Amino acid sequence: MLSFNLLLQEANLDPADVYLVRHKDTRLAKGLLRLRSSSPYDLWATQRDKFESYQRIQGEDCFRKRNWIAAFVVTPEDETLFAGIYRKLGVGKLPSQLQECPVSGKPVSDETHCYYNLALDARLGEFVGRLTIEWGDGFRAWIQNADSKLSGNKKVAEIRKNLQDHPFPGYREFRRNIAGIQRIWPSWRLQLESCKGIYLLTCKDTGKQYVGKADGEDGFWGRFCQYAENTHGGNEGMKPHQTSGYTVTILEAIATPALGEIDRLETLWKEKLSTRIWGLNKN
């Protein structure tokens, strides 16, 4: 078994001086983030400077006892992906331009947060974005000691050839739970933003369906995020419906729809699936 601690030791890093930090931010799962919030993985993959700021901001002095941090980010498939080794250089004041957390959007200040000066180290750089580990059962413990007898010495799950998102399955094959839509791969988000059309929501408990249209500026992505925010997206037929969640699929994808085409297709699919009679459509 290849362990992460073995890699640390080969890089001349003592596990007794290393924190293992798993960035996920459970507020995404609880629906407490802003509309269209970025997960720590999103920031790491697409806006590295914002990820660095996010990692440096802490609500308490949690990095005080050790000098090194092995950072990991949780992918949309719940993999624990290695993001790099960071050296702690001290604790300072928040930069004047940094007034909110890059993930939650909540205000930050020197009175309520610590701001760590962390420097990315070159050691184990060849594994960044390619190595995943098995974090174990203690998912709530986002920070752990690398040398812990109970939670340390993580097993390496995979070392990939390249850093890349999972390939987009295509609009016809796309199928996700609305509750987790904000955690999809960044490249998938771009695909959904670039296209408009007709989608289908299916209640996970009753099987009742809702046919809707995505014709806004942000395409499917913008519409799906509205459901993630409040479960009903403003639709009167869905507001009173009790459900543990919806699965969303795409019925028609149109890059550049003609005038009135999306409205016509929405009506057609409502009639085909009888969602005005048996489903959740009220118009």
Protein backbone atom coordinates (compact mmCIF):
# COMPACT_ATOMS: atom_id res chain seq x y z
CA MET A 1 0.00 0.00 0.00
CA LEU A 2 1.37 3.38 -1.02
CA SER A 3 0.66 5.93 1.71
CA PHE A 4 0.72 9.70 1.52
CA ASN A 5 3.04 9.83 4.53
CA LEU A 6 5.63 7.85 2.58
CA LEU A 7 5.54 10.52 -0.12
CA LEU A 8 5.94 13.21 2.55
CA GLN A 9 8.95 11.46 4.00
CA GLU A 10 10.54 11.02 0.58
CA ALA A 11 10.13 14.79 0.11
CA ASN A 12 11.94 15.38 3.45
CA LEU A 13 8.76 16.43 5.22
CA ASP A 14 8.09 15.10 8.70
CA PRO A 15 4.42 13.98 9.03
CA ALA A 16 4.57 15.18 12.66
CA ASP A 17 4.87 18.73 11.33
CA VAL A 18 2.18 18.46 8.62
CA TYR A 19 -1.55 19.14 8.64
CA LEU A 20 -3.77 17.34 6.14
CA VAL A 21 -6.46 19.82 5.06
CA ARG A 22 -9.49 18.73 3.01
CA HIS A 23 -11.34 21.69 1.45
CA LYS A 24 -14.96 20.95 0.63
CA ASP A 25 -17.13 23.52 2.43
CA THR A 26 -20.23 21.65 3.58
CA ARG A 27 -22.34 24.81 3.21
CA LEU A 28 -22.78 23.80 -0.44
CA ALA A 29 -24.55 20.60 0.62
CA LYS A 30 -26.72 22.54 3.05
CA GLY A 31 -27.73 25.15 0.46
CA LEU A 32 -26.31 28.01 2.52
CA LEU A 33 -24.06 29.55 -0.11
CA ARG A 34 -24.83 32.33 -2.55
CA LEU A 35 -26.58 31.60 -5.81
CA ARG A 36 -23.99 30.18 -8.23
CA SER A 37 -21.32 29.94 -5.55
CA SER A 38 -17.99 28.41 -6.43
CA SER A 39 -16.77 25.41 -4.45
CA PRO A 40 -13.17 25.25 -3.24
CA TYR A 41 -12.46 22.86 -6.11
CA ASP A 42 -13.93 25.34 -8.63
CA LEU A 43 -11.68 28.09 -7.32
CA TRP A 44 -8.63 25.87 -7.29
CA ALA A 45 -9.26 24.70 -10.86
CA THR A 46 -10.20 28.06 -12.41
CA GLN A 47 -9.24 30.95 -10.09
CA ARG A 48 -6.18 29.85 -8.15
CA ASP A 49 -5.61 33.25 -6.52
CA LYS A 50 -9.09 33.16 -4.98
CA PHE A 51 -8.48 29.63 -3.74
CA GLU A 52 -5.26 30.81 -2.08
CA SER A 53 -7.21 33.57 -0.32
CA TYR A 54 -9.92 31.13 0.75
CA GLN A 55 -7.37 28.78 2.31
CA ARG A 56 -5.57 31.57 4.13
CA ILE A 57 -8.74 32.82 5.84
CA GLN A 58 -9.60 30.81 8.93
CA GLY A 59 -12.18 31.41 11.63
CA GLU A 60 -9.77 30.41 14.37
CA ASP A 61 -6.05 29.83 14.82
CA CYS A 62 -6.29 26.27 13.48
CA PHE A 63 -2.87 26.07 11.78
CA ARG A 64 -0.91 27.30 14.78
CA LYS A 65 0.97 24.16 15.86
CA ARG A 66 2.49 22.91 12.60
CA ASN A 67 4.56 24.47 9.84
CA TRP A 68 3.33 22.57 6.79
CA ILE A 69 -0.05 22.02 5.15
CA ALA A 70 -0.87 19.31 2.63
CA ALA A 71 -3.93 20.75 0.90
CA PHE A 72 -6.64 18.71 -0.80
CA VAL A 73 -9.83 19.73 -2.62
CA VAL A 74 -12.97 17.64 -3.03
CA THR A 75 -13.95 17.10 -6.66
CA PRO A 76 -17.55 16.93 -7.94
CA GLU A 77 -17.25 13.14 -7.65
CA ASP A 78 -16.24 13.41 -3.96
CA GLU A 79 -12.62 12.48 -4.64
CA THR A 80 -9.97 13.94 -2.32
CA LEU A 81 -7.55 15.51 -4.80
CA PHE A 82 -4.07 16.74 -3.84
CA ALA A 83 -3.71 20.52 -4.34
CA GLY A 84 -0.18 21.11 -3.07
CA ILE A 85 2.17 21.50 -0.13
CA TYR A 86 2.12 24.88 1.64
CA ARG A 87 4.58 26.29 4.14
CA LYS A 88 3.23 28.44 6.96
CA LEU A 89 5.15 31.70 7.19
CA GLY A 90 3.09 33.35 9.88
CA VAL A 91 -0.21 35.08 10.62
CA GLY A 92 -0.95 38.57 9.37
CA LYS A 93 -3.78 41.02 8.77
CA LEU A 94 -6.33 40.65 6.03
CA PRO A 95 -5.55 42.63 2.86
CA SER A 96 -7.72 45.73 2.66
CA GLN A 97 -9.35 44.56 -0.59
CA LEU A 98 -10.34 41.20 0.91
CA GLN A 99 -13.67 41.87 2.62
CA GLU A 100 -15.56 38.62 2.02
CA CYS A 101 -14.86 34.90 1.85
CA PRO A 102 -14.34 33.84 -1.80
CA VAL A 103 -16.61 30.81 -1.30
CA SER A 104 -19.38 31.84 1.09
CA GLY A 105 -19.45 35.56 0.35
CA LYS A 106 -19.73 36.26 4.07
CA PRO A 107 -17.85 39.27 5.51
CA VAL A 108 -14.38 38.67 6.97
CA SER A 109 -12.37 40.89 9.26
CA ASP A 110 -9.31 40.85 11.50
CA GLU A 111 -11.64 40.70 14.51
CA THR A 112 -13.29 37.46 13.42
CA HIS A 113 -10.69 35.68 11.26
CA CYS A 114 -7.04 34.73 11.04
CA TYR A 115 -5.15 35.33 7.81
CA TYR A 116 -2.28 32.92 7.29
CA ASN A 117 0.71 33.69 5.12
CA LEU A 118 1.06 30.43 3.18
CA ALA A 119 3.60 29.77 0.44
CA LEU A 120 3.15 26.99 -2.12
CA ASP A 121 6.16 24.67 -1.97
CA ALA A 122 7.60 22.85 -4.97
CA ARG A 123 7.82 19.53 -3.16
CA LEU A 124 5.41 16.88 -4.45
CA GLY A 125 4.48 19.31 -7.21
CA GLU A 126 4.42 16.48 -9.76
CA PHE A 127 1.41 15.01 -7.94
CA VAL A 128 -0.71 18.18 -7.79
CA GLY A 129 -4.04 17.61 -9.52
CA ARG A 130 -3.17 13.98 -10.21
CA LEU A 131 -3.09 12.20 -6.85
CA THR A 132 -6.15 11.27 -4.81
CA ILE A 133 -6.22 9.74 -1.33
CA GLU A 134 -8.76 7.85 0.75
CA TRP A 135 -9.76 10.29 3.46
CA GLY A 136 -11.61 7.67 5.48
CA ASP A 137 -14.78 7.90 7.54
CA GLY A 138 -13.99 11.15 9.36
CA PHE A 139 -15.25 13.53 6.66
CA ARG A 140 -16.30 16.10 9.25
CA ALA A 141 -12.70 16.45 10.39
CA TRP A 142 -11.50 18.63 7.52
CA ILE A 143 -8.12 19.17 9.19
CA GLN A 144 -6.13 16.23 10.56
CA ASN A 145 -2.61 15.52 11.75
CA ALA A 146 -0.62 13.57 9.18
CA ASP A 147 1.00 11.47 11.91
CA SER A 148 -2.25 10.63 13.75
CA LYS A 149 -2.55 6.95 14.60
CA LEU A 150 -6.33 7.15 14.06
CA SER A 151 -6.68 9.33 10.99
CA GLY A 152 -3.20 9.87 9.52
CA ASN A 153 -1.17 7.90 6.99
CA LYS A 154 -3.79 8.13 4.25
CA LYS A 155 -3.79 5.54 1.49
CA VAL A 156 -3.11 6.80 -2.02
CA ALA A 157 -6.17 5.89 -4.09
CA GLU A 158 -4.99 6.90 -7.57
CA ILE A 159 -2.27 8.73 -9.47
CA ARG A 160 -3.62 9.96 -12.79
CA LYS A 161 -1.69 10.61 -15.96
CA ASN A 162 -3.14 14.09 -16.44
CA LEU A 163 -5.10 16.76 -14.66
CA GLN A 164 -8.52 17.04 -16.27
CA ASP A 165 -12.24 17.22 -15.55
CA HIS A 166 -14.44 14.26 -16.27
CA PRO A 167 -15.68 14.65 -19.87
CA PHE A 168 -19.08 16.28 -20.34
CA PRO A 169 -21.55 13.48 -21.22
CA GLY A 170 -23.47 15.59 -23.74
CA TYR A 171 -26.82 17.31 -23.27
CA ARG A 172 -28.83 14.21 -24.11
CA GLU A 173 -26.99 12.11 -21.51
CA PHE A 174 -26.81 14.82 -18.83
CA ARG A 175 -28.51 13.81 -15.57
CA ARG A 176 -27.85 15.27 -12.10
CA ASN A 177 -29.51 15.89 -8.77
CA ILE A 178 -30.51 19.55 -8.50
CA ALA A 179 -29.29 19.72 -4.89
CA GLY A 180 -25.73 19.04 -6.03
CA ILE A 181 -25.76 21.02 -9.28
CA GLN A 182 -23.33 23.65 -7.97
CA ARG A 183 -20.69 21.00 -7.43
CA ILE A 184 -20.39 19.87 -11.05
CA TRP A 185 -17.11 20.08 -12.95
CA PRO A 186 -16.21 23.63 -14.09
CA SER A 187 -16.07 22.58 -17.75
CA TRP A 188 -19.61 21.18 -17.45
CA ARG A 189 -20.80 24.52 -16.10
CA LEU A 190 -19.48 26.26 -19.20
CA GLN A 191 -21.38 23.82 -21.41
CA LEU A 192 -24.62 24.47 -19.54
CA GLU A 193 -24.11 28.24 -19.59
CA SER A 194 -23.63 28.26 -23.36
CA CYS A 195 -26.89 26.55 -24.29
CA LYS A 196 -30.63 27.09 -23.84
CA GLY A 197 -33.59 24.78 -24.24
CA ILE A 198 -36.07 22.50 -22.49
CA TYR A 199 -35.43 20.49 -19.33
CA LEU A 200 -37.30 17.93 -17.24
CA LEU A 201 -37.43 17.78 -13.44
CA THR A 202 -38.47 14.50 -11.83
CA CYS A 203 -39.40 14.24 -8.15
CA LYS A 204 -37.25 11.60 -6.49
CA ASP A 205 -40.10 10.56 -4.16
CA THR A 206 -43.25 10.58 -6.31
CA GLY A 207 -41.98 10.47 -9.87
CA LYS A 208 -44.02 13.57 -10.75
CA GLN A 209 -42.48 15.64 -13.50
CA TYR A 210 -42.12 19.27 -14.48
CA VAL A 211 -41.22 20.52 -17.97
CA GLY A 212 -39.50 23.90 -18.04
CA LYS A 213 -37.54 26.18 -20.32
CA ALA A 214 -34.11 27.75 -19.88
CA ASP A 215 -33.99 30.89 -21.99
CA GLY A 216 -32.05 33.30 -19.79
CA GLU A 217 -28.61 34.77 -20.30
CA ASP A 218 -26.88 31.91 -18.42
CA GLY A 219 -28.78 29.15 -20.20
CA PHE A 220 -29.42 25.86 -18.42
CA TRP A 221 -26.88 26.67 -15.71
CA GLY A 222 -28.62 29.83 -14.54
CA ARG A 223 -32.02 28.14 -14.42
CA PHE A 224 -30.76 25.06 -12.58
CA CYS A 225 -29.08 27.25 -9.95
CA GLN A 226 -32.43 28.89 -9.21
CA TYR A 227 -33.85 25.48 -8.30
CA ALA A 228 -30.80 24.71 -6.16
CA GLU A 229 -31.46 27.90 -4.24
CA ASN A 230 -35.14 27.36 -3.35
CA THR A 231 -36.23 23.93 -4.82
CA HIS A 232 -39.11 25.42 -6.87
CA GLY A 233 -37.54 28.07 -9.13
CA GLY A 234 -40.60 30.28 -8.73
CA ASN A 235 -43.00 27.74 -10.31
CA GLU A 236 -46.42 27.80 -8.62
CA GLY A 237 -47.08 24.11 -9.20
CA MET A 238 -43.89 23.12 -7.43
CA LYS A 239 -44.08 25.42 -4.41
CA PRO A 240 -46.53 23.26 -2.38
CA HIS A 241 -45.01 19.95 -3.52
CA GLN A 242 -43.20 18.09 -0.75
CA THR A 243 -40.05 16.37 -1.99
CA SER A 244 -36.58 15.32 -0.93
CA GLY A 245 -35.25 16.62 -4.25
CA TYR A 246 -35.38 16.56 -8.03
CA THR A 247 -33.36 14.96 -10.79
CA VAL A 248 -32.85 17.14 -13.86
CA THR A 249 -32.38 15.99 -17.45
CA ILE A 250 -32.30 17.92 -20.73
CA LEU A 251 -34.94 17.28 -23.39
CA GLU A 252 -33.89 19.82 -26.04
CA ALA A 253 -30.63 21.78 -26.27
CA ILE A 254 -30.53 24.78 -28.62
CA ALA A 255 -27.43 26.92 -28.97
CA THR A 256 -29.10 29.77 -30.91
CA PRO A 257 -32.90 29.39 -30.76
CA ALA A 258 -35.12 31.19 -33.23
CA LEU A 259 -37.69 33.65 -31.95
CA GLY A 260 -40.49 31.78 -30.18
CA GLU A 261 -38.85 28.35 -30.67
CA ILE A 262 -38.22 27.61 -27.01
CA ASP A 263 -41.80 28.51 -26.02
CA ARG A 264 -43.14 26.24 -28.77
CA LEU A 265 -40.95 23.32 -27.69
CA GLU A 266 -41.86 23.79 -24.03
CA THR A 267 -45.57 23.50 -24.88
CA LEU A 268 -44.89 20.47 -27.09
CA TRP A 269 -43.07 18.58 -24.33
CA LYS A 270 -45.74 19.42 -21.75
CA GLU A 271 -48.30 17.84 -24.08
CA LYS A 272 -46.11 14.83 -24.86
CA LEU A 273 -45.49 14.02 -21.20
CA SER A 274 -48.92 15.17 -19.93
CA THR A 275 -47.27 17.14 -17.15
CA ARG A 276 -50.23 19.54 -16.97
CA ILE A 277 -52.48 16.57 -16.17
CA TRP A 278 -50.29 14.21 -14.14
CA GLY A 279 -47.30 16.36 -13.32
CA LEU A 280 -46.39 19.66 -11.71
CA ASN A 281 -47.02 22.11 -14.57
CA LYS A 282 -49.89 24.50 -13.91
CA ASN A 283 -49.70 26.55 -17.10
